[in-house]
Amino acid sequence: MNTIGKNIRQLRQKNSWSQGEVAKRLNISIPAFSKIETGITDINISRLAQIASLFDVSTMDIISKEGENPQSLNFEEINKLKEKLSQREEEIIKLQKKVIDLYEEIREK
């Protein structure tokens, strides 16, 4: 069973719903839902969003591994990306200054 299927099963059991009840709410067959839970069938993004909505959780809660905190992972990743962006902006400013200097040098000649 994959992480997504395992998380979906845990959410279903937490709500004390049978596979049949969840399948009916998702408007799919019981075997189709069973295949999602066992990881036999991969689900698309719209189905993932539908399942997340049904259980009133985020899609990140469904796809994250047990023990992971999706919000803290996102926070760390966002901070790393902000740092990279800041470095790139500094590089761009330096390059812009070089372009201006070169343009001025060409104009003088």
Protein backbone atom coordinates (compact mmCIF):
# COMPACT_ATOMS: atom_id res chain seq x y z
CA MET A 1 0.00 0.00 0.00
CA ASN A 2 1.36 3.42 -0.90
CA THR A 3 1.38 6.51 1.31
CA ILE A 4 -1.64 8.11 -0.33
CA GLY A 5 -3.74 4.96 -0.07
CA LYS A 6 -2.68 4.41 3.54
CA ASN A 7 -3.59 7.98 4.47
CA ILE A 8 -6.97 7.70 2.75
CA ARG A 9 -7.69 4.45 4.59
CA GLN A 10 -6.78 6.07 7.93
CA LEU A 11 -9.06 9.01 7.21
CA ARG A 12 -11.90 6.67 6.26
CA GLN A 13 -11.44 4.61 9.40
CA LYS A 14 -11.17 7.73 11.56
CA ASN A 15 -14.63 8.71 10.30
CA SER A 16 -15.91 5.15 10.83
CA TRP A 17 -16.98 4.93 7.19
CA SER A 18 -17.00 1.78 5.11
CA GLN A 19 -15.41 1.64 1.70
CA GLY A 20 -18.93 1.51 0.29
CA GLU A 21 -19.95 4.73 2.02
CA VAL A 22 -16.88 6.59 0.75
CA ALA A 23 -17.27 5.16 -2.75
CA LYS A 24 -20.90 6.31 -2.83
CA ARG A 25 -19.92 9.83 -1.70
CA LEU A 26 -17.22 9.94 -4.41
CA ASN A 27 -19.66 8.52 -6.97
CA ILE A 28 -17.35 5.61 -7.84
CA SER A 29 -17.62 1.86 -7.42
CA ILE A 30 -16.47 0.09 -4.27
CA PRO A 31 -13.77 -1.85 -6.20
CA ALA A 32 -12.51 1.42 -7.70
CA PHE A 33 -12.21 2.97 -4.24
CA SER A 34 -10.58 -0.17 -2.88
CA LYS A 35 -7.94 0.07 -5.61
CA ILE A 36 -7.24 3.67 -4.59
CA GLU A 37 -6.75 2.66 -0.95
CA THR A 38 -4.47 -0.24 -1.81
CA GLY A 39 -2.43 1.82 -4.25
CA ILE A 40 -3.32 -0.31 -7.26
CA THR A 41 -4.85 2.72 -8.96
CA ASP A 42 -3.12 6.08 -9.04
CA ILE A 43 -5.48 8.99 -8.58
CA ASN A 44 -5.47 12.22 -10.52
CA ILE A 45 -5.36 15.66 -8.96
CA SER A 46 -9.09 16.30 -9.26
CA ARG A 47 -9.90 12.99 -7.50
CA LEU A 48 -7.31 13.81 -4.82
CA ALA A 49 -8.96 17.20 -4.27
CA GLN A 50 -12.38 15.52 -4.13
CA ILE A 51 -11.16 13.06 -1.48
CA ALA A 52 -9.49 15.82 0.53
CA SER A 53 -12.70 17.82 0.46
CA LEU A 54 -14.74 14.80 1.54
CA PHE A 55 -12.53 14.26 4.59
CA ASP A 56 -12.09 18.02 5.18
CA VAL A 57 -8.28 17.88 4.99
CA SER A 58 -5.71 19.40 2.65
CA THR A 59 -4.29 17.47 -0.28
CA MET A 60 -0.90 17.78 1.43
CA ASP A 61 -2.30 15.88 4.41
CA ILE A 62 -3.18 13.02 2.08
CA ILE A 63 0.08 12.87 0.15
CA SER A 64 2.52 13.45 3.01
CA LYS A 65 4.22 10.56 4.75
CA GLU A 66 3.34 9.67 8.32
CA GLY A 67 5.08 11.91 10.80
CA GLU A 68 5.76 14.62 8.25
CA ASN A 69 4.33 18.01 8.93
CA PRO A 70 3.46 19.41 5.50
CA GLN A 71 3.18 22.96 6.82
CA SER A 72 6.67 22.91 8.35
CA LEU A 73 8.12 21.33 5.21
CA ASN A 74 6.56 24.09 3.14
CA PHE A 75 7.86 26.73 5.53
CA GLU A 76 11.42 25.42 5.28
CA GLU A 77 11.21 25.13 1.50
CA ILE A 78 9.76 28.63 1.18
CA ASN A 79 12.60 30.06 3.28
CA LYS A 80 15.20 28.31 1.12
CA LEU A 81 13.53 29.58 -2.05
CA LYS A 82 13.36 33.13 -0.64
CA GLU A 83 17.10 33.01 0.06
CA LYS A 84 17.83 31.80 -3.47
CA LEU A 85 15.58 34.51 -4.88
CA SER A 86 17.38 37.15 -2.85
CA GLN A 87 20.75 35.94 -4.16
CA ARG A 88 19.49 35.99 -7.75
CA GLU A 89 18.14 39.51 -7.32
CA GLU A 90 21.55 40.67 -6.09
CA GLU A 91 23.18 39.05 -9.12
CA ILE A 92 20.70 40.81 -11.42
CA ILE A 93 21.43 44.19 -9.84
CA LYS A 94 25.18 43.65 -10.31
CA LEU A 95 24.67 42.67 -13.94
CA GLN A 96 22.44 45.68 -14.55
CA LYS A 97 25.17 47.94 -13.18
CA LYS A 98 27.70 46.32 -15.51
CA VAL A 99 25.38 46.84 -18.49
CA ILE A 100 24.95 50.50 -17.58
CA ASP A 101 28.71 50.96 -17.18
CA LEU A 102 29.38 49.30 -20.53
CA TYR A 103 26.70 51.38 -22.21
CA GLU A 104 28.24 54.57 -20.80
CA GLU A 105 31.67 53.43 -21.97
CA ILE A 106 30.38 52.84 -25.49
CA ARG A 107 28.64 56.22 -25.59
CA GLU A 108 31.87 58.00 -24.65
CA LYS A 109 33.75 56.52 -27.59
